[in-house]
Amino acid sequence: MINKADFINNIPLLIIAATSLLILIIEAIFPHGKKKIGEKIIFYLSIVSLIVAINYSFPQLTVNSLFFSSFLRLSTFSVVVNITMLLGILITVLSSKEYLEKEGINYGEYYSLLFIATLGMMLMVMAYDLIIVFVGLEIMSISFYVLAGFMRKRLESNESALKYFLLGAFFTGFLLMGIALIYGYTGSTSYSFFTNFKNQTEPTYFLGIVLILIAFIFKTGSFPLQMWIPDVYQGAPTVVTGMMSSVGKTAAFGALLVFFTTFGLEKFSMLIAILAILTMLYGNVVALLQTNIKRLLAYSSIAHAGYILIGFILVTPSSTHAVVFYLVSYVLMQLGAFIVIGIVEAQADTMEDRSLSNTLESYKGLGKTNPGLASILSIFLFSLAGIPPFAGFWGKYYIFLSVIQNNFIWVAIVGILLSLIGVYYYIKVILFMWFYEPVTGTIQKSKSEFAFTAAVISTIGLFLFGIYPDLLLRYIRAIF
């Protein structure tokens, strides 16, 4: 039975849902001649709503209870991940305004879809029932399909959305079939039932778990179901790519971690270890061959999915803490890198120039023509490479430490060696920016004030958690 406490303790969720609807109403109210006023209202409303939602989330860090007839669960883990995602969406909103205006797609529906996707992501992480996991996943995915194809006049954006939709719909079938098999055998979809379920070797139940894992492997972009990531990330609007590759991945891994702890999937340890190594190997090696920076970071995101998967080999308190810390740092550095790419892309005058601006050649000499922007991008790339004193270093350190503590030392050794490969292609971009002469069309200054502010916020976060990681870990250590 629903009561007042259900609503009081889920105010951030309600704020996000209400804002998504309010944006659509505002978009409909203002006629074509007054669209500029409506766009400003929607933009600032989005920022205020996200800040308020984050503010209301912090008091929930000490809550550990079930709500809405035990369909949702608030815990330190879900709140930390929700705050991370809300912060990622706030940074995305800040970085979107000038980019959307330059591309001619500054519609209110964009912000509404962002909030609807956020609602789905929060539901995934808070879910205490497989049905809610499915509902949250679909809300997020459908919004992503539309956002990926938001540049309707660009062929590669349409291709991106279509590929993502077809593959996403296909693997949703795996998730649904897995839930159906588990429900058919146990008669329940509630996580509270499965925490004490003993007969885990029964074939129908086991097959259901495997099918759900396949769906999550697709959503996290892990090997061997990573084939969609490079094309989708390249074709989608750059600000959308940054959000999907960081915040979207955080939601998928957050839901997967709850799934792992609930169902007690220690029997999959060796399988996860192999998948993690293959994911890191594939992402890092193929990234070496890329000449387009969006595709390079797409393959880089596959490699990072492999690093995060290491924390799932044996889910213990230390590995859980490592995964959450990695997700927080990953949102800041991955999203920040795409923000800078979006700023560079938005300075091009024509659609063809904007497409060419994503080549590595176009970043030559950026450090001489725009040292501020090049410095910020260098910080993000150093952090992605795992170089101190940035948060990315501690993320990898805690991940590898957790797997060593779980006696999978060989996985840590392979992971460290593969991460060294990743250093090469990150350093290559940095060398292009600082040690080559500028090419024609290199931007001279940044006109994207909000986007630059968003990049600075991400940079501060990387420095803060890099120099003082315990600032975040003292909250994370309260998980589970």
Protein backbone atom coordinates (compact mmCIF):
# COMPACT_ATOMS: atom_id res chain seq x y z
CA MET A 1 0.00 0.00 0.00
CA ILE A 2 1.33 3.44 -0.97
CA ASN A 3 1.65 6.00 1.84
CA LYS A 4 3.03 9.50 2.38
CA ALA A 5 6.51 8.21 3.24
CA ASP A 6 6.79 6.75 -0.26
CA PHE A 7 6.52 10.21 -1.79
CA ILE A 8 8.54 12.07 0.85
CA ASN A 9 11.52 9.73 0.48
CA ASN A 10 11.42 9.80 -3.31
CA ILE A 11 11.24 13.55 -3.90
CA PRO A 12 14.23 13.56 -6.34
CA LEU A 13 12.50 10.93 -8.48
CA LEU A 14 9.26 12.93 -8.46
CA ILE A 15 11.09 16.18 -9.32
CA ILE A 16 12.66 14.57 -12.39
CA ALA A 17 9.32 13.10 -13.53
CA ALA A 18 7.44 16.38 -13.00
CA THR A 19 10.11 18.46 -14.79
CA SER A 20 10.01 16.23 -17.87
CA LEU A 21 6.26 16.88 -18.19
CA LEU A 22 6.51 20.58 -17.34
CA ILE A 23 9.10 21.10 -20.10
CA LEU A 24 6.70 19.65 -22.67
CA ILE A 25 3.94 21.96 -21.45
CA ILE A 26 6.22 25.01 -21.68
CA GLU A 27 7.32 23.98 -25.18
CA ALA A 28 3.67 23.78 -26.25
CA ILE A 29 2.66 27.10 -24.63
CA PHE A 30 5.15 29.35 -26.39
CA PRO A 31 4.33 29.88 -30.09
CA HIS A 32 6.94 29.86 -32.84
CA GLY A 33 7.59 33.61 -32.57
CA LYS A 34 8.44 33.34 -28.88
CA LYS A 35 10.47 30.15 -28.94
CA LYS A 36 13.57 31.93 -27.63
CA ILE A 37 11.77 32.79 -24.39
CA GLY A 38 10.54 29.23 -24.01
CA GLU A 39 14.03 27.84 -24.66
CA LYS A 40 15.54 30.03 -21.93
CA ILE A 41 12.86 29.06 -19.43
CA ILE A 42 13.32 25.37 -20.20
CA PHE A 43 17.12 25.59 -19.95
CA TYR A 44 17.15 27.34 -16.57
CA LEU A 45 14.25 25.22 -15.27
CA SER A 46 16.28 22.11 -16.10
CA ILE A 47 19.31 23.39 -14.20
CA VAL A 48 17.27 24.42 -11.14
CA SER A 49 15.34 21.14 -11.06
CA LEU A 50 18.53 19.07 -11.17
CA ILE A 51 20.19 21.14 -8.43
CA VAL A 52 17.09 20.77 -6.22
CA ALA A 53 16.94 17.02 -6.91
CA ILE A 54 20.62 16.63 -5.96
CA ASN A 55 20.05 18.70 -2.82
CA TYR A 56 17.15 16.48 -1.73
CA SER A 57 19.21 13.35 -2.45
CA PHE A 58 21.94 13.98 0.14
CA PRO A 59 19.69 13.48 3.22
CA GLN A 60 18.77 10.07 1.78
CA LEU A 61 22.33 8.74 2.16
CA THR A 62 21.38 7.26 5.54
CA VAL A 63 18.06 5.77 4.37
CA ASN A 64 17.81 2.02 3.85
CA SER A 65 14.21 1.04 3.24
CA LEU A 66 11.65 -0.23 0.71
CA PHE A 67 9.00 1.99 -0.86
CA PHE A 68 6.00 1.75 -3.19
CA SER A 69 4.93 -1.72 -2.06
CA SER A 70 8.58 -2.95 -2.02
CA PHE A 71 9.12 -2.20 -5.71
CA LEU A 72 11.79 0.42 -4.99
CA ARG A 73 14.64 0.38 -2.50
CA LEU A 74 16.56 3.36 -1.20
CA SER A 75 20.05 2.58 0.09
CA THR A 76 23.37 4.36 0.36
CA PHE A 77 24.38 2.63 -2.86
CA SER A 78 21.35 3.73 -4.88
CA VAL A 79 21.55 7.29 -3.55
CA VAL A 80 25.27 7.66 -4.35
CA VAL A 81 24.71 6.36 -7.87
CA ASN A 82 21.63 8.58 -8.31
CA ILE A 83 23.58 11.67 -7.21
CA THR A 84 26.32 10.73 -9.67
CA MET A 85 23.81 10.41 -12.51
CA LEU A 86 22.00 13.64 -11.61
CA LEU A 87 25.33 15.47 -11.56
CA GLY A 88 26.16 13.95 -14.95
CA ILE A 89 22.84 15.12 -16.39
CA LEU A 90 23.37 18.60 -14.90
CA ILE A 91 26.77 18.81 -16.63
CA THR A 92 25.14 17.56 -19.84
CA VAL A 93 22.44 20.24 -19.69
CA LEU A 94 25.05 22.96 -19.14
CA SER A 95 27.08 21.74 -22.12
CA SER A 96 24.10 21.37 -24.45
CA LYS A 97 22.77 24.90 -24.97
CA GLU A 98 25.34 26.33 -27.38
CA TYR A 99 25.84 22.99 -29.14
CA LEU A 100 22.12 22.57 -29.83
CA GLU A 101 21.81 26.15 -31.05
CA LYS A 102 24.72 25.70 -33.45
CA GLU A 103 23.24 22.48 -34.81
CA GLY A 104 19.77 24.03 -35.09
CA ILE A 105 18.15 21.42 -32.84
CA ASN A 106 17.53 23.46 -29.69
CA TYR A 107 14.08 22.04 -28.99
CA GLY A 108 12.44 21.62 -25.59
CA GLU A 109 11.87 17.96 -26.35
CA TYR A 110 15.62 17.39 -25.99
CA TYR A 111 15.59 18.42 -22.32
CA SER A 112 12.37 16.50 -21.69
CA LEU A 113 13.94 13.35 -23.14
CA LEU A 114 17.00 13.88 -20.94
CA PHE A 115 14.79 13.98 -17.84
CA ILE A 116 12.73 10.99 -18.96
CA ALA A 117 15.95 9.03 -19.53
CA THR A 118 17.13 10.11 -16.07
CA LEU A 119 13.88 8.86 -14.57
CA GLY A 120 14.44 5.47 -16.19
CA MET A 121 18.05 5.32 -14.99
CA MET A 122 17.08 6.15 -11.42
CA LEU A 123 14.37 3.48 -11.48
CA MET A 124 16.91 0.91 -12.69
CA VAL A 125 19.26 1.59 -9.79
CA MET A 126 16.49 1.77 -7.17
CA ALA A 127 14.59 -1.26 -8.50
CA TYR A 128 13.83 -4.05 -6.05
CA ASP A 129 11.86 -6.05 -8.57
CA LEU A 130 12.77 -7.38 -12.02
CA ILE A 131 9.69 -5.72 -13.53
CA ILE A 132 10.91 -2.29 -12.39
CA VAL A 133 14.35 -3.08 -13.85
CA PHE A 134 12.67 -3.73 -17.19
CA VAL A 135 10.48 -0.61 -16.98
CA GLY A 136 13.43 1.61 -16.05
CA LEU A 137 15.64 0.10 -18.75
CA GLU A 138 13.02 0.67 -21.44
CA ILE A 139 12.29 4.25 -20.35
CA MET A 140 16.01 4.97 -20.57
CA SER A 141 16.53 3.10 -23.84
CA ILE A 142 13.60 4.61 -25.75
CA SER A 143 14.77 8.10 -24.77
CA PHE A 144 18.30 7.22 -25.92
CA TYR A 145 17.03 5.98 -29.29
CA VAL A 146 15.39 9.34 -29.96
CA LEU A 147 18.30 11.38 -28.62
CA ALA A 148 20.80 9.44 -30.76
CA GLY A 149 18.86 10.47 -33.87
CA PHE A 150 18.10 14.01 -32.71
CA MET A 151 20.05 15.56 -35.60
CA ARG A 152 17.38 14.50 -38.08
CA LYS A 153 19.01 16.14 -41.09
CA ARG A 154 22.28 14.29 -40.64
CA LEU A 155 22.39 10.81 -42.18
CA GLU A 156 24.87 9.35 -39.68
CA SER A 157 22.63 10.45 -36.79
CA ASN A 158 19.66 8.62 -38.33
CA GLU A 159 21.84 5.58 -38.88
CA SER A 160 23.01 5.76 -35.27
CA ALA A 161 19.46 5.80 -33.92
CA LEU A 162 18.28 3.00 -36.20
CA LYS A 163 21.17 0.67 -35.31
CA TYR A 164 20.74 1.35 -31.63
CA PHE A 165 16.98 0.80 -31.80
CA LEU A 166 17.13 -2.48 -33.72
CA LEU A 167 19.84 -4.01 -31.54
CA GLY A 168 18.36 -2.61 -28.34
CA ALA A 169 14.91 -3.99 -29.11
CA PHE A 170 16.44 -7.39 -29.92
CA PHE A 171 18.33 -7.67 -26.65
CA THR A 172 15.34 -6.40 -24.68
CA GLY A 173 13.78 -9.69 -25.71
CA PHE A 174 16.58 -11.49 -23.84
CA LEU A 175 15.79 -9.52 -20.70
CA LEU A 176 12.06 -10.20 -20.94
CA MET A 177 12.56 -13.89 -21.67
CA GLY A 178 14.91 -14.17 -18.70
CA ILE A 179 12.38 -12.51 -16.39
CA ALA A 180 9.62 -14.76 -17.76
CA LEU A 181 11.65 -17.92 -17.12
CA ILE A 182 12.55 -16.87 -13.58
CA TYR A 183 8.95 -15.92 -12.82
CA GLY A 184 7.65 -19.11 -14.40
CA TYR A 185 9.83 -21.24 -12.13
CA THR A 186 9.71 -19.25 -8.87
CA GLY A 187 6.40 -17.38 -9.14
CA SER A 188 8.07 -14.12 -8.11
CA THR A 189 10.00 -11.19 -9.56
CA SER A 190 10.78 -9.49 -6.24
CA TYR A 191 14.41 -9.24 -5.15
CA SER A 192 13.35 -9.98 -1.56
CA PHE A 193 12.41 -13.49 -2.68
CA PHE A 194 15.68 -14.25 -4.47
CA THR A 195 17.99 -13.23 -1.62
CA ASN A 196 17.00 -16.45 0.18
CA PHE A 197 16.35 -18.65 -2.84
CA LYS A 198 18.37 -21.86 -2.64
CA ASN A 199 17.67 -23.90 -5.79
CA GLN A 200 19.87 -21.86 -8.14
CA THR A 201 21.04 -24.80 -10.27
CA GLU A 202 17.62 -25.63 -11.73
CA PRO A 203 17.99 -25.27 -15.56
CA THR A 204 15.01 -22.96 -16.14
CA TYR A 205 16.05 -20.59 -13.36
CA PHE A 206 19.71 -20.71 -14.43
CA LEU A 207 18.82 -19.98 -18.08
CA GLY A 208 16.71 -17.00 -16.96
CA ILE A 209 19.70 -15.50 -15.13
CA VAL A 210 21.96 -16.08 -18.15
CA LEU A 211 19.50 -14.29 -20.48
CA ILE A 212 19.28 -11.29 -18.14
CA LEU A 213 23.07 -11.16 -17.95
CA ILE A 214 23.26 -11.13 -21.76
CA ALA A 215 20.93 -8.11 -21.83
CA PHE A 216 23.11 -6.30 -19.27
CA ILE A 217 26.29 -7.15 -21.20
CA PHE A 218 24.73 -5.41 -24.22
CA LYS A 219 23.65 -2.35 -22.24
CA THR A 220 27.07 -1.95 -20.63
CA GLY A 221 28.82 -2.30 -24.00
CA SER A 222 30.94 -5.24 -22.91
CA PHE A 223 32.48 -7.91 -25.14
CA PRO A 224 31.13 -9.64 -27.22
CA LEU A 225 28.05 -7.37 -27.49
CA GLN A 226 29.90 -4.09 -27.99
CA MET A 227 29.42 -3.91 -31.78
CA TRP A 228 26.88 -1.07 -31.63
CA ILE A 229 28.94 1.40 -29.60
CA PRO A 230 31.35 2.96 -32.17
CA ASP A 231 28.71 3.71 -34.82
CA VAL A 232 26.09 4.91 -32.33
CA TYR A 233 28.54 7.12 -30.44
CA GLN A 234 29.95 8.62 -33.64
CA GLY A 235 26.57 9.38 -35.20
CA ALA A 236 24.76 10.75 -32.15
CA PRO A 237 25.02 14.44 -31.17
CA THR A 238 28.28 14.82 -29.25
CA VAL A 239 26.60 15.99 -26.02
CA VAL A 240 24.28 12.98 -26.21
CA THR A 241 27.23 10.65 -26.84
CA GLY A 242 28.96 11.94 -23.71
CA MET A 243 25.83 11.40 -21.63
CA MET A 244 25.08 7.91 -22.99
CA SER A 245 28.67 6.71 -22.63
CA SER A 246 28.99 7.90 -19.03
CA VAL A 247 25.65 8.37 -17.24
CA GLY A 248 23.89 5.63 -19.20
CA LYS A 249 26.71 3.19 -18.51
CA THR A 250 26.63 4.12 -14.82
CA ALA A 251 22.93 3.23 -14.64
CA ALA A 252 23.50 -0.12 -16.37
CA PHE A 253 26.40 -1.08 -14.11
CA GLY A 254 24.52 0.14 -11.02
CA ALA A 255 21.53 -2.06 -11.84
CA LEU A 256 23.84 -4.96 -12.68
CA LEU A 257 25.60 -4.67 -9.31
CA VAL A 258 22.29 -4.87 -7.43
CA PHE A 259 21.34 -7.87 -9.60
CA PHE A 260 24.63 -9.62 -8.80
CA THR A 261 24.37 -9.10 -5.04
CA THR A 262 20.73 -10.15 -4.95
CA PHE A 263 21.11 -13.37 -6.92
CA GLY A 264 24.53 -14.32 -5.49
CA LEU A 265 26.25 -15.01 -8.80
CA GLU A 266 29.65 -16.18 -7.52
CA LYS A 267 29.41 -19.15 -9.90
CA PHE A 268 29.97 -16.75 -12.82
CA SER A 269 33.32 -15.46 -11.48
CA MET A 270 35.53 -17.09 -14.10
CA LEU A 271 33.16 -16.11 -16.93
CA ILE A 272 33.12 -12.46 -15.79
CA ALA A 273 36.93 -12.50 -15.50
CA ILE A 274 37.28 -13.71 -19.09
CA LEU A 275 34.70 -11.21 -20.38
CA ALA A 276 36.48 -8.38 -18.54
CA ILE A 277 39.83 -9.27 -20.11
CA LEU A 278 38.38 -9.65 -23.62
CA THR A 279 36.51 -6.34 -23.24
CA MET A 280 39.67 -4.51 -22.14
CA LEU A 281 41.71 -6.17 -24.89
CA TYR A 282 39.24 -5.39 -27.67
CA GLY A 283 38.61 -1.79 -26.60
CA ASN A 284 42.25 -0.84 -26.11
CA VAL A 285 43.66 -2.56 -29.22
CA VAL A 286 41.04 -1.30 -31.67
CA ALA A 287 41.25 2.22 -30.20
CA LEU A 288 44.89 2.33 -31.35
CA LEU A 289 43.73 2.31 -34.98
CA GLN A 290 41.20 5.14 -34.78
CA THR A 291 41.57 8.48 -36.55
CA ASN A 292 38.24 9.91 -35.36
CA ILE A 293 38.28 11.13 -31.77
CA LYS A 294 34.65 10.16 -31.10
CA ARG A 295 35.32 6.60 -32.27
CA LEU A 296 38.55 6.56 -30.26
CA LEU A 297 36.66 7.45 -27.09
CA ALA A 298 33.93 4.96 -28.04
CA TYR A 299 36.44 2.12 -28.08
CA SER A 300 37.98 3.61 -24.96
CA SER A 301 34.58 3.33 -23.25
CA ILE A 302 34.50 -0.37 -24.17
CA ALA A 303 37.88 -0.79 -22.47
CA HIS A 304 36.61 1.03 -19.38
CA ALA A 305 33.60 -1.29 -19.28
CA GLY A 306 36.15 -4.07 -18.98
CA TYR A 307 37.88 -2.37 -16.04
CA ILE A 308 34.53 -1.96 -14.28
CA LEU A 309 33.62 -5.60 -14.96
CA ILE A 310 36.67 -6.63 -12.93
CA GLY A 311 34.78 -5.47 -9.86
CA PHE A 312 32.03 -8.01 -10.62
CA ILE A 313 34.29 -11.09 -10.54
CA LEU A 314 33.53 -11.49 -6.84
CA VAL A 315 31.13 -8.92 -5.40
CA THR A 316 32.51 -8.03 -1.97
CA PRO A 317 32.40 -4.74 -0.02
CA SER A 318 35.82 -3.74 -1.37
CA SER A 319 34.90 -4.48 -4.99
CA THR A 320 31.57 -2.66 -4.58
CA HIS A 321 33.35 0.42 -3.22
CA ALA A 322 35.83 0.25 -6.12
CA VAL A 323 33.08 0.00 -8.75
CA VAL A 324 31.16 2.98 -7.35
CA PHE A 325 34.30 5.13 -7.09
CA TYR A 326 35.22 4.19 -10.66
CA LEU A 327 31.73 5.09 -11.92
CA VAL A 328 31.85 8.52 -10.26
CA SER A 329 35.27 9.33 -11.70
CA TYR A 330 34.32 7.86 -15.10
CA VAL A 331 31.26 10.12 -15.41
CA LEU A 332 33.41 13.19 -14.77
CA MET A 333 36.26 12.34 -17.16
CA GLN A 334 34.29 10.73 -20.00
CA LEU A 335 31.57 13.36 -20.00
CA GLY A 336 34.16 16.12 -19.72
CA ALA A 337 36.12 14.83 -22.72
CA PHE A 338 33.00 14.82 -24.89
CA ILE A 339 32.10 18.31 -23.72
CA VAL A 340 35.40 19.62 -25.08
CA ILE A 341 34.88 17.69 -28.33
CA GLY A 342 31.43 19.28 -28.57
CA ILE A 343 32.92 22.76 -28.08
CA VAL A 344 35.44 22.14 -30.85
CA GLU A 345 32.75 20.72 -33.13
CA ALA A 346 30.34 23.59 -32.49
CA GLN A 347 32.89 26.17 -33.73
CA ALA A 348 32.84 24.77 -37.29
CA ASP A 349 30.77 26.80 -39.75
CA THR A 350 29.26 24.05 -41.89
CA MET A 351 27.94 20.56 -41.28
CA GLU A 352 30.82 19.12 -43.31
CA ASP A 353 33.37 21.08 -41.28
CA ARG A 354 31.76 19.89 -38.04
CA SER A 355 32.10 16.30 -39.19
CA LEU A 356 35.77 16.85 -40.12
CA SER A 357 36.43 18.56 -36.77
CA ASN A 358 36.24 15.16 -35.07
CA THR A 359 39.33 13.82 -36.83
CA LEU A 360 42.52 13.65 -34.79
CA GLU A 361 44.24 15.84 -37.42
CA SER A 362 41.94 18.72 -36.52
CA TYR A 363 43.29 18.73 -32.97
CA LYS A 364 46.82 19.53 -34.08
CA GLY A 365 48.04 22.76 -32.53
CA LEU A 366 44.99 23.22 -30.28
CA GLY A 367 47.37 23.86 -27.37
CA LYS A 368 48.78 26.90 -29.20
CA THR A 369 45.51 28.39 -30.43
CA ASN A 370 43.40 27.59 -27.36
CA PRO A 371 45.63 26.49 -24.45
CA GLY A 372 42.76 26.58 -21.92
CA LEU A 373 40.62 24.13 -23.85
CA ALA A 374 43.60 21.92 -24.68
CA SER A 375 44.66 21.87 -21.03
CA ILE A 376 41.23 20.75 -19.87
CA LEU A 377 41.03 18.01 -22.51
CA SER A 378 44.54 16.88 -21.55
CA ILE A 379 43.41 16.51 -17.92
CA PHE A 380 40.46 14.35 -18.97
CA LEU A 381 42.68 12.18 -21.16
CA PHE A 382 45.31 11.80 -18.42
CA SER A 383 42.56 10.75 -16.01
CA LEU A 384 41.11 8.26 -18.50
CA ALA A 385 44.61 6.82 -18.87
CA GLY A 386 44.82 6.39 -15.08
CA ILE A 387 47.63 8.85 -14.48
CA PRO A 388 47.81 10.61 -11.06
CA PRO A 389 46.88 12.97 -9.48
CA PHE A 390 43.43 12.58 -11.03
CA ALA A 391 40.45 10.50 -9.90
CA GLY A 392 40.88 8.07 -12.81
CA PHE A 393 44.09 6.79 -11.23
CA TRP A 394 42.37 5.94 -7.95
CA GLY A 395 39.47 4.35 -9.82
CA LYS A 396 41.80 1.84 -11.47
CA TYR A 397 43.85 1.43 -8.31
CA TYR A 398 40.83 0.41 -6.21
CA ILE A 399 39.50 -1.88 -8.97
CA PHE A 400 42.80 -3.75 -9.29
CA LEU A 401 43.28 -3.81 -5.51
CA SER A 402 39.84 -5.38 -4.98
CA VAL A 403 40.50 -8.17 -7.48
CA ILE A 404 43.90 -8.86 -5.91
CA GLN A 405 42.22 -9.15 -2.50
CA ASN A 406 39.85 -11.69 -4.06
CA ASN A 407 42.83 -13.81 -5.22
CA PHE A 408 42.41 -13.08 -8.94
CA ILE A 409 45.89 -11.60 -9.17
CA TRP A 410 46.32 -12.73 -12.79
CA VAL A 411 43.33 -10.61 -13.83
CA ALA A 412 44.88 -7.54 -12.18
CA ILE A 413 48.21 -8.16 -13.97
CA VAL A 414 46.51 -8.51 -17.36
CA GLY A 415 44.37 -5.43 -16.66
CA ILE A 416 47.38 -3.30 -15.75
CA LEU A 417 49.24 -4.39 -18.89
CA LEU A 418 46.22 -3.61 -21.09
CA SER A 419 45.75 -0.22 -19.44
CA LEU A 420 49.31 0.62 -20.50
CA ILE A 421 48.18 0.15 -24.11
CA GLY A 422 45.44 2.66 -23.44
CA VAL A 423 47.99 5.25 -22.34
CA TYR A 424 49.39 5.33 -25.89
CA TYR A 425 46.27 6.51 -27.73
CA TYR A 426 45.41 9.06 -25.04
CA ILE A 427 48.96 10.46 -25.17
CA LYS A 428 48.75 10.55 -28.98
CA VAL A 429 45.87 13.03 -28.81
CA ILE A 430 47.77 15.13 -26.26
CA LEU A 431 50.86 15.15 -28.49
CA PHE A 432 48.73 16.33 -31.43
CA MET A 433 47.43 19.23 -29.36
CA TRP A 434 50.74 20.41 -27.90
CA PHE A 435 53.58 19.36 -30.21
CA TYR A 436 52.19 19.99 -33.70
CA GLU A 437 51.55 23.17 -35.61
CA PRO A 438 47.93 24.32 -35.90
CA VAL A 439 45.96 23.19 -38.94
CA THR A 440 43.49 25.29 -40.92
CA GLY A 441 40.23 25.63 -39.07
CA THR A 442 41.60 25.08 -35.55
CA ILE A 443 39.39 27.13 -33.25
CA GLN A 444 40.84 30.31 -31.84
CA LYS A 445 38.56 30.80 -28.86
CA SER A 446 35.65 29.21 -27.08
CA LYS A 447 32.24 30.85 -27.37
CA SER A 448 30.51 28.11 -25.35
CA GLU A 449 30.42 29.66 -21.91
CA PHE A 450 28.03 27.16 -20.31
CA ALA A 451 29.85 24.21 -21.88
CA PHE A 452 33.20 25.53 -20.72
CA THR A 453 31.75 25.93 -17.21
CA ALA A 454 30.56 22.31 -17.31
CA ALA A 455 34.05 21.17 -18.36
CA VAL A 456 35.60 23.14 -15.50
CA ILE A 457 33.18 21.52 -13.00
CA SER A 458 34.27 18.09 -14.23
CA THR A 459 37.92 19.09 -13.98
CA ILE A 460 37.51 20.29 -10.39
CA GLY A 461 35.80 17.00 -9.51
CA LEU A 462 38.69 14.98 -10.97
CA PHE A 463 41.24 17.04 -9.05
CA LEU A 464 39.24 16.94 -5.83
CA PHE A 465 38.67 13.18 -5.80
CA GLY A 466 42.17 12.59 -7.17
CA ILE A 467 43.95 14.49 -4.41
CA TYR A 468 41.50 13.55 -1.65
CA PRO A 469 39.73 10.28 -2.63
CA ASP A 470 38.53 9.69 0.92
CA LEU A 471 36.12 12.59 0.47
CA LEU A 472 34.02 10.25 -1.67
CA LEU A 473 35.06 6.92 -0.16
CA ARG A 474 33.75 7.73 3.31
CA TYR A 475 30.22 7.69 1.84
CA ILE A 476 30.90 4.72 -0.41
CA ARG A 477 32.22 2.58 2.47
CA ALA A 478 28.76 2.69 4.03
CA ILE A 479 27.40 0.65 1.10
CA PHE A 480 26.12 -2.86 1.87
